[in-house]
Amino acid sequence: MIRILVADDHPVVRDGVRSMLGAVPDFEVVAEAGSGPEAVALARATDPDVVVMDLRMPGGGGVDAVRALRASGTRAAVLVLTTYDTDSETVAAIEAGATGYLLKDTPAERLFEAVRATAAGETVLSPAVASRLASHLRRPSRTTALTSREREVLVLVARGTSNRAIAQELFVSEATVKTHLVHVYEKLGVADRAAAVATAYERGILGGPTA
């Protein structure tokens, strides 16, 4: 039997995934979670083989949960099942340690195959996600292309400084700060402040967390 934990903050979706997986003879759904932290706690408590996890959940999303699971030494492999396939989402999830990444429009049989493959330690990616990752890997690294001012802005963002406060500290307009941030997002392949900071730390752009 493959023991599965289902993590999704939408009860209807979670119930549907649980029912679908629970009907498969060699699957056993051992727990359900509605948030990232709950998924981590239940994974530690129930020791599943696979965690089928959404990415965006309250109290810390799926990427944070994947990192926490890997850091805790939990043996469960993580199969992301989500509606999001942007570069920032897919790359962050895989870099955090997810074994597979599927979209919620995946046919049931494909999902079952993916759960079995994930339990066996195999990487499983939906075609759209595989294409995005391939493009990301082929794309020349642009992280070193951050200008000194863009890095200054990013350092302040990492400290939790608002755009207005950044503008005051750097003696520029708030619109200029926003423009710098747009350029940072583009160069890092992310969509928001939190992802920019996380990616910058992961890639050594900001150094340590106190940079």
N, C-alpha and C. Protein backbone atom coordinates (compact mmCIF):
# COMPACT_ATOMS: atom_id res chain seq x y z
N MET A 1 0.83 -1.20 0.00
CA MET A 1 0.00 0.00 0.00
C MET A 1 0.87 1.26 0.00
N ILE A 2 0.46 2.24 -0.78
CA ILE A 2 1.12 3.54 -0.77
C ILE A 2 0.32 4.47 0.12
N ARG A 3 0.96 4.94 1.18
CA ARG A 3 0.30 5.80 2.16
C ARG A 3 0.41 7.25 1.71
N ILE A 4 -0.74 7.95 1.69
CA ILE A 4 -0.80 9.28 1.10
C ILE A 4 -1.38 10.29 2.08
N LEU A 5 -0.78 11.48 2.10
CA LEU A 5 -1.34 12.63 2.81
C LEU A 5 -1.76 13.65 1.77
N VAL A 6 -3.01 14.12 1.86
CA VAL A 6 -3.52 15.11 0.92
C VAL A 6 -3.56 16.48 1.60
N ALA A 7 -2.93 17.48 0.98
CA ALA A 7 -2.89 18.83 1.55
C ALA A 7 -3.44 19.84 0.54
N ASP A 8 -4.56 20.44 0.89
CA ASP A 8 -5.20 21.46 0.04
C ASP A 8 -6.12 22.27 0.94
N ASP A 9 -6.12 23.59 0.78
CA ASP A 9 -6.92 24.42 1.69
C ASP A 9 -8.39 24.50 1.28
N HIS A 10 -8.75 23.99 0.10
CA HIS A 10 -10.15 24.00 -0.31
C HIS A 10 -10.79 22.66 0.04
N PRO A 11 -11.73 22.63 0.98
CA PRO A 11 -12.33 21.36 1.43
C PRO A 11 -12.93 20.53 0.31
N VAL A 12 -13.60 21.18 -0.63
CA VAL A 12 -14.23 20.42 -1.72
C VAL A 12 -13.16 19.74 -2.58
N VAL A 13 -12.10 20.48 -2.91
CA VAL A 13 -11.02 19.90 -3.69
C VAL A 13 -10.34 18.78 -2.92
N ARG A 14 -10.08 19.05 -1.65
CA ARG A 14 -9.42 18.05 -0.81
C ARG A 14 -10.24 16.77 -0.72
N ASP A 15 -11.55 16.92 -0.52
CA ASP A 15 -12.44 15.76 -0.45
C ASP A 15 -12.43 14.98 -1.76
N GLY A 16 -12.42 15.72 -2.86
CA GLY A 16 -12.42 15.07 -4.17
C GLY A 16 -11.15 14.28 -4.41
N VAL A 17 -10.02 14.88 -4.09
CA VAL A 17 -8.74 14.19 -4.28
C VAL A 17 -8.66 12.98 -3.36
N ARG A 18 -9.10 13.15 -2.10
CA ARG A 18 -9.07 12.04 -1.15
C ARG A 18 -9.94 10.88 -1.63
N SER A 19 -11.15 11.20 -2.08
CA SER A 19 -12.06 10.16 -2.55
C SER A 19 -11.51 9.44 -3.77
N MET A 20 -10.95 10.21 -4.68
CA MET A 20 -10.40 9.64 -5.91
C MET A 20 -9.22 8.71 -5.61
N LEU A 21 -8.31 9.17 -4.76
CA LEU A 21 -7.14 8.36 -4.43
C LEU A 21 -7.52 7.18 -3.54
N GLY A 22 -8.47 7.42 -2.65
CA GLY A 22 -8.87 6.37 -1.72
C GLY A 22 -9.56 5.20 -2.38
N ALA A 23 -10.05 5.41 -3.61
CA ALA A 23 -10.75 4.34 -4.33
C ALA A 23 -9.78 3.41 -5.06
N VAL A 24 -8.50 3.78 -5.08
CA VAL A 24 -7.50 2.95 -5.76
C VAL A 24 -7.01 1.87 -4.80
N PRO A 25 -7.04 0.60 -5.21
CA PRO A 25 -6.73 -0.51 -4.31
C PRO A 25 -5.40 -0.42 -3.58
N ASP A 26 -4.35 0.10 -4.25
CA ASP A 26 -3.03 0.11 -3.61
C ASP A 26 -2.71 1.45 -2.95
N PHE A 27 -3.72 2.33 -2.80
CA PHE A 27 -3.54 3.61 -2.12
C PHE A 27 -4.28 3.62 -0.80
N GLU A 28 -3.70 4.29 0.18
CA GLU A 28 -4.38 4.53 1.46
C GLU A 28 -4.15 5.98 1.86
N VAL A 29 -5.22 6.78 1.93
CA VAL A 29 -5.11 8.17 2.36
C VAL A 29 -5.11 8.16 3.89
N VAL A 30 -3.98 8.50 4.49
CA VAL A 30 -3.83 8.40 5.94
C VAL A 30 -4.11 9.70 6.67
N ALA A 31 -4.11 10.83 5.94
CA ALA A 31 -4.36 12.11 6.60
C ALA A 31 -4.67 13.19 5.58
N GLU A 32 -5.31 14.27 6.05
CA GLU A 32 -5.62 15.43 5.22
C GLU A 32 -5.18 16.68 5.96
N ALA A 33 -4.73 17.68 5.21
CA ALA A 33 -4.30 18.94 5.81
C ALA A 33 -4.85 20.10 5.01
N GLY A 34 -5.14 21.20 5.71
CA GLY A 34 -5.67 22.38 5.05
C GLY A 34 -4.69 23.53 4.97
N SER A 35 -3.44 23.30 5.43
CA SER A 35 -2.41 24.34 5.37
C SER A 35 -1.04 23.70 5.32
N GLY A 36 -0.04 24.49 4.98
CA GLY A 36 1.32 23.98 4.92
C GLY A 36 1.82 23.46 6.26
N PRO A 37 1.72 24.27 7.32
CA PRO A 37 2.18 23.80 8.64
C PRO A 37 1.46 22.54 9.10
N GLU A 38 0.15 22.45 8.82
CA GLU A 38 -0.59 21.26 9.22
C GLU A 38 -0.09 20.04 8.44
N ALA A 39 0.23 20.24 7.17
CA ALA A 39 0.75 19.14 6.36
C ALA A 39 2.07 18.63 6.92
N VAL A 40 2.93 19.54 7.33
CA VAL A 40 4.22 19.15 7.90
C VAL A 40 4.02 18.37 9.20
N ALA A 41 3.15 18.88 10.07
CA ALA A 41 2.89 18.22 11.34
C ALA A 41 2.30 16.83 11.14
N LEU A 42 1.34 16.71 10.22
CA LEU A 42 0.70 15.42 9.98
C LEU A 42 1.64 14.44 9.29
N ALA A 43 2.52 14.95 8.45
CA ALA A 43 3.49 14.07 7.80
C ALA A 43 4.43 13.46 8.83
N ARG A 44 4.82 14.26 9.80
CA ARG A 44 5.68 13.76 10.87
C ARG A 44 4.94 12.73 11.71
N ALA A 45 3.64 12.95 11.89
CA ALA A 45 2.86 12.07 12.76
C ALA A 45 2.45 10.77 12.08
N THR A 46 2.16 10.83 10.78
CA THR A 46 1.59 9.65 10.10
C THR A 46 2.57 8.93 9.18
N ASP A 47 3.72 9.55 8.87
CA ASP A 47 4.76 8.93 8.05
C ASP A 47 4.24 8.41 6.71
N PRO A 48 3.65 9.28 5.87
CA PRO A 48 3.14 8.82 4.57
C PRO A 48 4.29 8.58 3.59
N ASP A 49 3.99 7.87 2.53
CA ASP A 49 4.97 7.68 1.45
C ASP A 49 4.99 8.89 0.53
N VAL A 50 3.81 9.47 0.30
CA VAL A 50 3.66 10.60 -0.62
C VAL A 50 2.76 11.66 -0.01
N VAL A 51 3.16 12.92 -0.16
CA VAL A 51 2.30 14.05 0.20
C VAL A 51 1.85 14.69 -1.10
N VAL A 52 0.55 14.67 -1.37
CA VAL A 52 -0.01 15.33 -2.55
C VAL A 52 -0.42 16.72 -2.10
N MET A 53 0.29 17.75 -2.56
CA MET A 53 0.17 19.06 -1.95
C MET A 53 -0.11 20.19 -2.93
N ASP A 54 -1.06 21.03 -2.56
CA ASP A 54 -1.31 22.28 -3.29
C ASP A 54 -0.19 23.25 -2.93
N LEU A 55 -0.03 24.31 -3.72
CA LEU A 55 1.04 25.27 -3.44
C LEU A 55 0.61 26.44 -2.58
N ARG A 56 -0.53 27.02 -2.88
CA ARG A 56 -0.94 28.23 -2.16
C ARG A 56 -1.97 27.89 -1.09
N MET A 57 -1.51 27.93 0.15
CA MET A 57 -2.38 27.63 1.28
C MET A 57 -2.11 28.63 2.39
N PRO A 58 -3.05 28.82 3.30
CA PRO A 58 -2.85 29.77 4.39
C PRO A 58 -1.79 29.28 5.38
N GLY A 59 -1.20 30.23 6.10
CA GLY A 59 -0.24 29.88 7.12
C GLY A 59 1.07 29.36 6.59
N GLY A 60 1.40 29.72 5.35
CA GLY A 60 2.61 29.19 4.74
C GLY A 60 2.24 28.24 3.63
N GLY A 61 2.70 28.50 2.44
CA GLY A 61 2.28 27.72 1.28
C GLY A 61 3.02 26.41 1.14
N GLY A 62 2.76 25.75 0.01
CA GLY A 62 3.34 24.45 -0.25
C GLY A 62 4.84 24.46 -0.37
N VAL A 63 5.41 25.52 -0.97
CA VAL A 63 6.87 25.58 -1.11
C VAL A 63 7.53 25.61 0.26
N ASP A 64 6.99 26.43 1.17
CA ASP A 64 7.53 26.46 2.54
C ASP A 64 7.38 25.10 3.21
N ALA A 65 6.26 24.45 2.96
CA ALA A 65 6.03 23.13 3.56
C ALA A 65 7.01 22.09 3.01
N VAL A 66 7.29 22.15 1.71
CA VAL A 66 8.26 21.23 1.13
C VAL A 66 9.62 21.42 1.78
N ARG A 67 10.03 22.68 1.93
CA ARG A 67 11.32 22.96 2.58
C ARG A 67 11.34 22.42 4.00
N ALA A 68 10.23 22.64 4.72
CA ALA A 68 10.16 22.18 6.12
C ALA A 68 10.21 20.66 6.20
N LEU A 69 9.54 19.98 5.27
CA LEU A 69 9.57 18.52 5.25
C LEU A 69 10.97 18.00 4.98
N ARG A 70 11.65 18.62 4.02
CA ARG A 70 13.01 18.18 3.71
C ARG A 70 13.95 18.47 4.89
N ALA A 71 13.77 19.62 5.52
CA ALA A 71 14.64 19.98 6.65
C ALA A 71 14.43 19.06 7.84
N SER A 72 13.20 18.57 8.00
CA SER A 72 12.88 17.72 9.14
C SER A 72 13.33 16.27 8.95
N GLY A 73 13.75 15.95 7.73
CA GLY A 73 14.18 14.58 7.47
C GLY A 73 13.04 13.61 7.20
N THR A 74 11.82 14.13 7.05
CA THR A 74 10.68 13.27 6.74
C THR A 74 10.92 12.54 5.42
N ARG A 75 10.62 11.26 5.39
CA ARG A 75 10.92 10.46 4.20
C ARG A 75 9.92 10.66 3.07
N ALA A 76 8.76 11.25 3.35
CA ALA A 76 7.70 11.38 2.35
C ALA A 76 8.18 12.18 1.13
N ALA A 77 7.86 11.68 -0.05
CA ALA A 77 8.11 12.42 -1.28
C ALA A 77 6.91 13.33 -1.52
N VAL A 78 7.16 14.48 -2.11
CA VAL A 78 6.10 15.47 -2.32
C VAL A 78 5.73 15.55 -3.80
N LEU A 79 4.44 15.37 -4.07
CA LEU A 79 3.90 15.55 -5.42
C LEU A 79 3.01 16.78 -5.38
N VAL A 80 3.45 17.85 -6.02
CA VAL A 80 2.66 19.08 -6.07
C VAL A 80 1.50 18.87 -7.03
N LEU A 81 0.30 19.26 -6.59
CA LEU A 81 -0.90 19.20 -7.44
C LEU A 81 -1.58 20.54 -7.31
N THR A 82 -1.45 21.38 -8.32
CA THR A 82 -1.87 22.77 -8.19
C THR A 82 -2.39 23.31 -9.51
N THR A 83 -2.91 24.53 -9.47
CA THR A 83 -3.37 25.19 -10.70
C THR A 83 -2.31 26.15 -11.24
N TYR A 84 -1.20 26.32 -10.53
CA TYR A 84 -0.21 27.33 -10.89
C TYR A 84 0.99 26.71 -11.59
N ASP A 85 1.35 27.28 -12.76
CA ASP A 85 2.49 26.74 -13.50
C ASP A 85 3.44 27.85 -13.97
N THR A 86 3.51 28.95 -13.21
CA THR A 86 4.44 30.02 -13.56
C THR A 86 5.86 29.58 -13.22
N ASP A 87 6.83 30.26 -13.82
CA ASP A 87 8.23 29.94 -13.55
C ASP A 87 8.54 30.04 -12.06
N SER A 88 8.04 31.10 -11.42
CA SER A 88 8.36 31.30 -10.01
C SER A 88 7.81 30.18 -9.15
N GLU A 89 6.63 29.66 -9.51
CA GLU A 89 6.03 28.58 -8.72
C GLU A 89 6.74 27.26 -8.97
N THR A 90 6.91 26.91 -10.24
CA THR A 90 7.47 25.60 -10.56
C THR A 90 8.92 25.47 -10.11
N VAL A 91 9.72 26.46 -10.44
CA VAL A 91 11.15 26.39 -10.08
C VAL A 91 11.32 26.37 -8.57
N ALA A 92 10.56 27.21 -7.87
CA ALA A 92 10.68 27.26 -6.40
C ALA A 92 10.31 25.92 -5.78
N ALA A 93 9.25 25.29 -6.28
CA ALA A 93 8.81 24.01 -5.71
C ALA A 93 9.84 22.91 -5.95
N ILE A 94 10.37 22.84 -7.16
CA ILE A 94 11.37 21.81 -7.47
C ILE A 94 12.65 22.06 -6.69
N GLU A 95 13.08 23.33 -6.62
CA GLU A 95 14.30 23.64 -5.88
C GLU A 95 14.13 23.35 -4.39
N ALA A 96 12.90 23.50 -3.89
CA ALA A 96 12.64 23.23 -2.47
C ALA A 96 12.69 21.75 -2.16
N GLY A 97 12.52 20.90 -3.18
CA GLY A 97 12.62 19.46 -2.95
C GLY A 97 11.43 18.64 -3.38
N ALA A 98 10.47 19.24 -4.09
CA ALA A 98 9.33 18.47 -4.59
C ALA A 98 9.80 17.45 -5.62
N THR A 99 9.27 16.23 -5.55
CA THR A 99 9.65 15.18 -6.48
C THR A 99 8.86 15.27 -7.78
N GLY A 100 7.60 15.73 -7.68
CA GLY A 100 6.76 15.83 -8.86
C GLY A 100 5.93 17.10 -8.85
N TYR A 101 5.42 17.46 -10.02
CA TYR A 101 4.64 18.70 -10.16
C TYR A 101 3.60 18.48 -11.25
N LEU A 102 2.34 18.40 -10.85
CA LEU A 102 1.24 18.23 -11.79
C LEU A 102 0.23 19.35 -11.63
N LEU A 103 -0.51 19.61 -12.70
CA LEU A 103 -1.58 20.59 -12.65
C LEU A 103 -2.91 19.88 -12.37
N LYS A 104 -3.87 20.62 -11.82
CA LYS A 104 -5.12 20.01 -11.38
C LYS A 104 -6.03 19.56 -12.53
N ASP A 105 -5.65 19.89 -13.75
CA ASP A 105 -6.43 19.38 -14.88
C ASP A 105 -5.87 18.04 -15.39
N THR A 106 -4.93 17.48 -14.63
CA THR A 106 -4.35 16.19 -14.99
C THR A 106 -5.41 15.08 -14.90
N PRO A 107 -5.52 14.20 -15.89
CA PRO A 107 -6.48 13.09 -15.83
C PRO A 107 -6.20 12.19 -14.63
N ALA A 108 -7.25 11.57 -14.11
CA ALA A 108 -7.13 10.74 -12.90
C ALA A 108 -6.08 9.65 -13.06
N GLU A 109 -6.09 8.95 -14.17
CA GLU A 109 -5.14 7.85 -14.36
C GLU A 109 -3.70 8.35 -14.35
N ARG A 110 -3.50 9.53 -14.92
CA ARG A 110 -2.15 10.12 -14.92
C ARG A 110 -1.74 10.47 -13.48
N LEU A 111 -2.69 10.96 -12.69
CA LEU A 111 -2.40 11.27 -11.29
C LEU A 111 -2.03 10.00 -10.53
N PHE A 112 -2.76 8.92 -10.76
CA PHE A 112 -2.46 7.65 -10.08
C PHE A 112 -1.05 7.18 -10.43
N GLU A 113 -0.71 7.25 -11.71
CA GLU A 113 0.63 6.85 -12.15
C GLU A 113 1.69 7.72 -11.50
N ALA A 114 1.38 9.02 -11.38
CA ALA A 114 2.34 9.95 -10.79
C ALA A 114 2.56 9.66 -9.31
N VAL A 115 1.50 9.30 -8.60
CA VAL A 115 1.63 8.97 -7.18
C VAL A 115 2.54 7.75 -7.02
N ARG A 116 2.32 6.75 -7.85
CA ARG A 116 3.15 5.54 -7.77
C ARG A 116 4.60 5.86 -8.11
N ALA A 117 4.81 6.66 -9.14
CA ALA A 117 6.17 7.03 -9.53
C ALA A 117 6.84 7.86 -8.45
N THR A 118 6.10 8.79 -7.86
CA THR A 118 6.65 9.62 -6.79
C THR A 118 7.05 8.77 -5.60
N ALA A 119 6.21 7.81 -5.25
CA ALA A 119 6.52 6.91 -4.14
C ALA A 119 7.79 6.12 -4.42
N ALA A 120 8.07 5.86 -5.69
CA ALA A 120 9.26 5.11 -6.08
C ALA A 120 10.48 6.01 -6.24
N GLY A 121 10.30 7.31 -5.98
CA GLY A 121 11.42 8.25 -6.06
C GLY A 121 11.67 8.81 -7.43
N GLU A 122 10.73 8.62 -8.35
CA GLU A 122 10.90 9.12 -9.72
C GLU A 122 10.33 10.53 -9.84
N THR A 123 10.95 11.34 -10.67
CA THR A 123 10.47 12.70 -10.92
C THR A 123 9.33 12.67 -11.92
N VAL A 124 8.25 13.35 -11.59
CA VAL A 124 7.07 13.38 -12.45
C VAL A 124 6.68 14.84 -12.69
N LEU A 125 6.60 15.24 -13.94
CA LEU A 125 6.24 16.60 -14.29
C LEU A 125 5.17 16.61 -15.37
N SER A 126 4.20 17.51 -15.25
CA SER A 126 3.23 17.67 -16.32
C SER A 126 3.96 18.24 -17.53
N PRO A 127 3.47 18.00 -18.75
CA PRO A 127 4.15 18.51 -19.94
C PRO A 127 4.39 20.02 -19.89
N ALA A 128 3.40 20.78 -19.42
CA ALA A 128 3.55 22.24 -19.36
C ALA A 128 4.67 22.63 -18.41
N VAL A 129 4.73 21.96 -17.27
CA VAL A 129 5.76 22.26 -16.28
C VAL A 129 7.14 21.84 -16.79
N ALA A 130 7.22 20.68 -17.42
CA ALA A 130 8.49 20.21 -17.97
C ALA A 130 9.02 21.21 -19.00
N SER A 131 8.11 21.74 -19.81
CA SER A 131 8.51 22.72 -20.82
C SER A 131 9.03 23.99 -20.18
N ARG A 132 8.35 24.44 -19.12
CA ARG A 132 8.79 25.65 -18.42
C ARG A 132 10.17 25.46 -17.78
N LEU A 133 10.38 24.31 -17.15
CA LEU A 133 11.66 24.05 -16.51
C LEU A 133 12.78 23.96 -17.54
N ALA A 134 12.48 23.34 -18.68
CA ALA A 134 13.48 23.24 -19.73
C ALA A 134 13.86 24.63 -20.24
N SER A 135 12.86 25.49 -20.40
CA SER A 135 13.13 26.87 -20.85
C SER A 135 13.95 27.62 -19.81
N HIS A 136 13.63 27.38 -18.55
CA HIS A 136 14.35 28.05 -17.45
C HIS A 136 15.82 27.63 -17.46
N LEU A 137 16.07 26.33 -17.68
CA LEU A 137 17.44 25.83 -17.67
C LEU A 137 18.23 26.31 -18.89
N ARG A 138 17.53 26.47 -20.02
CA ARG A 138 18.21 26.94 -21.23
C ARG A 138 18.48 28.43 -21.19
N ARG A 139 17.69 29.15 -20.39
CA ARG A 139 17.81 30.61 -20.33
C ARG A 139 19.11 30.99 -19.64
N PRO A 140 19.90 31.86 -20.22
CA PRO A 140 21.13 32.28 -19.57
C PRO A 140 20.82 32.88 -18.21
N SER A 141 21.66 32.58 -17.24
CA SER A 141 21.44 33.12 -15.89
C SER A 141 21.54 34.63 -15.91
N ARG A 142 20.52 35.26 -15.34
CA ARG A 142 20.53 36.72 -15.33
C ARG A 142 20.64 37.27 -13.92
N THR A 143 20.87 36.40 -12.94
CA THR A 143 20.91 36.87 -11.56
C THR A 143 22.07 37.83 -11.35
N THR A 144 23.21 37.61 -12.03
CA THR A 144 24.36 38.49 -11.85
C THR A 144 24.15 39.82 -12.57
N ALA A 145 23.07 39.92 -13.36
CA ALA A 145 22.82 41.15 -14.09
C ALA A 145 22.13 42.21 -13.23
N LEU A 146 21.86 41.90 -11.95
CA LEU A 146 21.26 42.91 -11.08
C LEU A 146 22.22 44.08 -10.93
N THR A 147 21.70 45.27 -11.11
CA THR A 147 22.53 46.45 -10.90
C THR A 147 22.74 46.67 -9.41
N SER A 148 23.68 47.51 -9.06
CA SER A 148 23.95 47.78 -7.64
C SER A 148 22.72 48.39 -6.97
N ARG A 149 22.00 49.24 -7.70
CA ARG A 149 20.81 49.86 -7.13
C ARG A 149 19.69 48.82 -6.95
N GLU A 150 19.55 47.92 -7.93
CA GLU A 150 18.53 46.86 -7.79
C GLU A 150 18.84 45.97 -6.59
N ARG A 151 20.12 45.71 -6.37
CA ARG A 151 20.48 44.89 -5.22
C ARG A 151 20.22 45.65 -3.92
N GLU A 152 20.47 46.95 -3.92
CA GLU A 152 20.16 47.77 -2.73
C GLU A 152 18.69 47.68 -2.40
N VAL A 153 17.86 47.80 -3.43
CA VAL A 153 16.41 47.71 -3.22
C VAL A 153 16.04 46.32 -2.69
N LEU A 154 16.64 45.29 -3.27
CA LEU A 154 16.34 43.92 -2.85
C LEU A 154 16.75 43.67 -1.40
N VAL A 155 17.89 44.20 -1.00
CA VAL A 155 18.34 44.06 0.39
C VAL A 155 17.32 44.69 1.34
N LEU A 156 16.82 45.86 0.99
CA LEU A 156 15.84 46.54 1.83
C LEU A 156 14.51 45.79 1.85
N VAL A 157 14.13 45.24 0.71
CA VAL A 157 12.92 44.43 0.66
C VAL A 157 13.06 43.22 1.59
N ALA A 158 14.24 42.62 1.58
CA ALA A 158 14.49 41.45 2.43
C ALA A 158 14.37 41.81 3.91
N ARG A 159 14.60 43.06 4.24
CA ARG A 159 14.48 43.51 5.63
C ARG A 159 13.06 43.90 5.99
N GLY A 160 12.15 43.76 5.02
CA GLY A 160 10.76 44.08 5.27
C GLY A 160 10.41 45.55 5.10
N THR A 161 11.27 46.30 4.41
CA THR A 161 11.06 47.73 4.22
C THR A 161 10.01 47.97 3.13
N SER A 162 9.10 48.88 3.38
CA SER A 162 8.06 49.20 2.40
C SER A 162 8.65 49.99 1.24
N ASN A 163 7.92 50.03 0.13
CA ASN A 163 8.39 50.79 -1.03
C ASN A 163 8.59 52.26 -0.68
N ARG A 164 7.68 52.82 0.11
CA ARG A 164 7.80 54.24 0.49
C ARG A 164 9.05 54.48 1.31
N ALA A 165 9.32 53.58 2.27
CA ALA A 165 10.50 53.73 3.11
C ALA A 165 11.78 53.53 2.30
N ILE A 166 11.74 52.60 1.34
CA ILE A 166 12.90 52.40 0.47
C ILE A 166 13.18 53.67 -0.33
N ALA A 167 12.13 54.27 -0.85
CA ALA A 167 12.28 55.50 -1.63
C ALA A 167 12.91 56.61 -0.78
N GLN A 168 12.47 56.72 0.46
CA GLN A 168 13.03 57.74 1.35
C GLN A 168 14.49 57.47 1.67
N GLU A 169 14.83 56.20 1.89
CA GLU A 169 16.21 55.87 2.25
C GLU A 169 17.17 56.06 1.08
N LEU A 170 16.69 55.76 -0.14
CA LEU A 170 17.56 55.86 -1.31
C LEU A 170 17.43 57.20 -2.03
N PHE A 171 16.55 58.07 -1.51
CA PHE A 171 16.34 59.41 -2.09
C PHE A 171 15.89 59.33 -3.55
N VAL A 172 14.93 58.44 -3.79
CA VAL A 172 14.33 58.33 -5.11
C VAL A 172 12.81 58.33 -4.92
N SER A 173 12.08 58.37 -6.04
CA SER A 173 10.63 58.33 -5.95
C SER A 173 10.14 56.90 -5.71
N GLU A 174 8.92 56.78 -5.19
CA GLU A 174 8.35 55.46 -4.98
C GLU A 174 8.15 54.75 -6.32
N ALA A 175 7.84 55.52 -7.36
CA ALA A 175 7.68 54.94 -8.70
C ALA A 175 8.99 54.32 -9.19
N THR A 176 10.10 54.96 -8.86
CA THR A 176 11.41 54.43 -9.25
C THR A 176 11.69 53.11 -8.54
N VAL A 177 11.31 53.05 -7.28
CA VAL A 177 11.49 51.81 -6.52
C VAL A 177 10.69 50.68 -7.17
N LYS A 178 9.45 50.98 -7.54
CA LYS A 178 8.61 49.97 -8.18
C LYS A 178 9.22 49.50 -9.50
N THR A 179 9.81 50.42 -10.24
CA THR A 179 10.46 50.07 -11.50
C THR A 179 11.64 49.14 -11.25
N HIS A 180 12.44 49.46 -10.24
CA HIS A 180 13.56 48.58 -9.89
C HIS A 180 13.07 47.18 -9.53
N LEU A 181 11.98 47.13 -8.77
CA LEU A 181 11.44 45.84 -8.36
C LEU A 181 10.95 45.03 -9.56
N VAL A 182 10.32 45.69 -10.51
CA VAL A 182 9.87 45.00 -11.73
C VAL A 182 11.06 44.37 -12.44
N HIS A 183 12.16 45.11 -12.52
CA HIS A 183 13.37 44.59 -13.16
C HIS A 183 13.95 43.42 -12.38
N VAL A 184 13.92 43.52 -11.05
CA VAL A 184 14.41 42.43 -10.21
C VAL A 184 13.59 41.18 -10.43
N TYR A 185 12.25 41.34 -10.44
CA TYR A 185 11.36 40.19 -10.65
C TYR A 185 11.66 39.51 -11.98
N GLU A 186 11.85 40.31 -13.01
CA GLU A 186 12.11 39.76 -14.35
C GLU A 186 13.43 38.99 -14.36
N LYS A 187 14.44 39.54 -13.73
CA LYS A 187 15.76 38.90 -13.75
C LYS A 187 15.81 37.63 -12.91
N LEU A 188 15.02 37.59 -11.85
CA LEU A 188 15.00 36.41 -11.00
C LEU A 188 13.94 35.41 -11.42
N GLY A 189 13.04 35.81 -12.33
CA GLY A 189 11.98 34.91 -12.77
C GLY A 189 10.93 34.68 -11.71
N VAL A 190 10.59 35.73 -10.96
CA VAL A 190 9.61 35.61 -9.90
C VAL A 190 8.48 36.61 -10.11
N ALA A 191 7.46 36.55 -9.23
CA ALA A 191 6.29 37.40 -9.43
C ALA A 191 5.99 38.33 -8.27
N ASP A 192 6.69 38.18 -7.14
CA ASP A 192 6.38 39.05 -6.01
C ASP A 192 7.59 39.22 -5.10
N ARG A 193 7.43 40.06 -4.07
CA ARG A 193 8.53 40.40 -3.16
C ARG A 193 9.05 39.16 -2.42
N ALA A 194 8.13 38.36 -1.88
CA ALA A 194 8.54 37.21 -1.09
C ALA A 194 9.34 36.23 -1.93
N ALA A 195 8.87 35.97 -3.15
CA ALA A 195 9.58 35.04 -4.03
C ALA A 195 10.95 35.60 -4.43
N ALA A 196 11.02 36.91 -4.62
CA ALA A 196 12.29 37.53 -4.99
C ALA A 196 13.32 37.35 -3.88
N VAL A 197 12.90 37.57 -2.64
CA VAL A 197 13.81 37.43 -1.51
C VAL A 197 14.24 35.97 -1.34
N ALA A 198 13.27 35.06 -1.41
CA ALA A 198 13.58 33.64 -1.25
C ALA A 198 14.55 33.17 -2.32
N THR A 199 14.29 33.55 -3.57
CA THR A 199 15.15 33.14 -4.68
C THR A 199 16.54 33.75 -4.56
N ALA A 200 16.59 35.01 -4.11
CA ALA A 200 17.90 35.68 -3.95
C ALA A 200 18.74 34.99 -2.90
N TYR A 201 18.12 34.57 -1.80
CA TYR A 201 18.86 33.83 -0.77
C TYR A 201 19.33 32.48 -1.29
N GLU A 202 18.42 31.78 -1.99
CA GLU A 202 18.75 30.44 -2.50
C GLU A 202 19.92 30.48 -3.47
N ARG A 203 19.99 31.57 -4.25
CA ARG A 203 21.03 31.66 -5.27
C ARG A 203 22.27 32.42 -4.80
N GLY A 204 22.26 32.82 -3.51
CA GLY A 204 23.44 33.47 -2.95
C GLY A 204 23.60 34.92 -3.33
N ILE A 205 22.55 35.54 -3.86
CA ILE A 205 22.64 36.94 -4.28
C ILE A 205 22.70 37.85 -3.07
N LEU A 206 21.96 37.51 -2.04
CA LEU A 206 21.93 38.32 -0.83
C LEU A 206 22.87 37.79 0.25
N GLY A 207 23.50 36.66 0.00
CA GLY A 207 24.38 36.09 1.00
C GLY A 207 23.53 35.45 2.10
N GLY A 208 23.78 35.81 3.34
CA GLY A 208 23.05 35.27 4.48
C GLY A 208 21.80 36.05 4.72
N PRO A 209 20.89 35.57 5.59
CA PRO A 209 19.64 36.22 5.87
C PRO A 209 19.75 37.56 6.54
N THR A 210 20.95 37.94 6.96
CA THR A 210 21.10 39.24 7.60
C THR A 210 21.68 40.26 6.65
N ALA A 211 21.79 39.90 5.36
CA ALA A 211 22.38 40.83 4.38
C ALA A 211 21.60 42.10 4.28
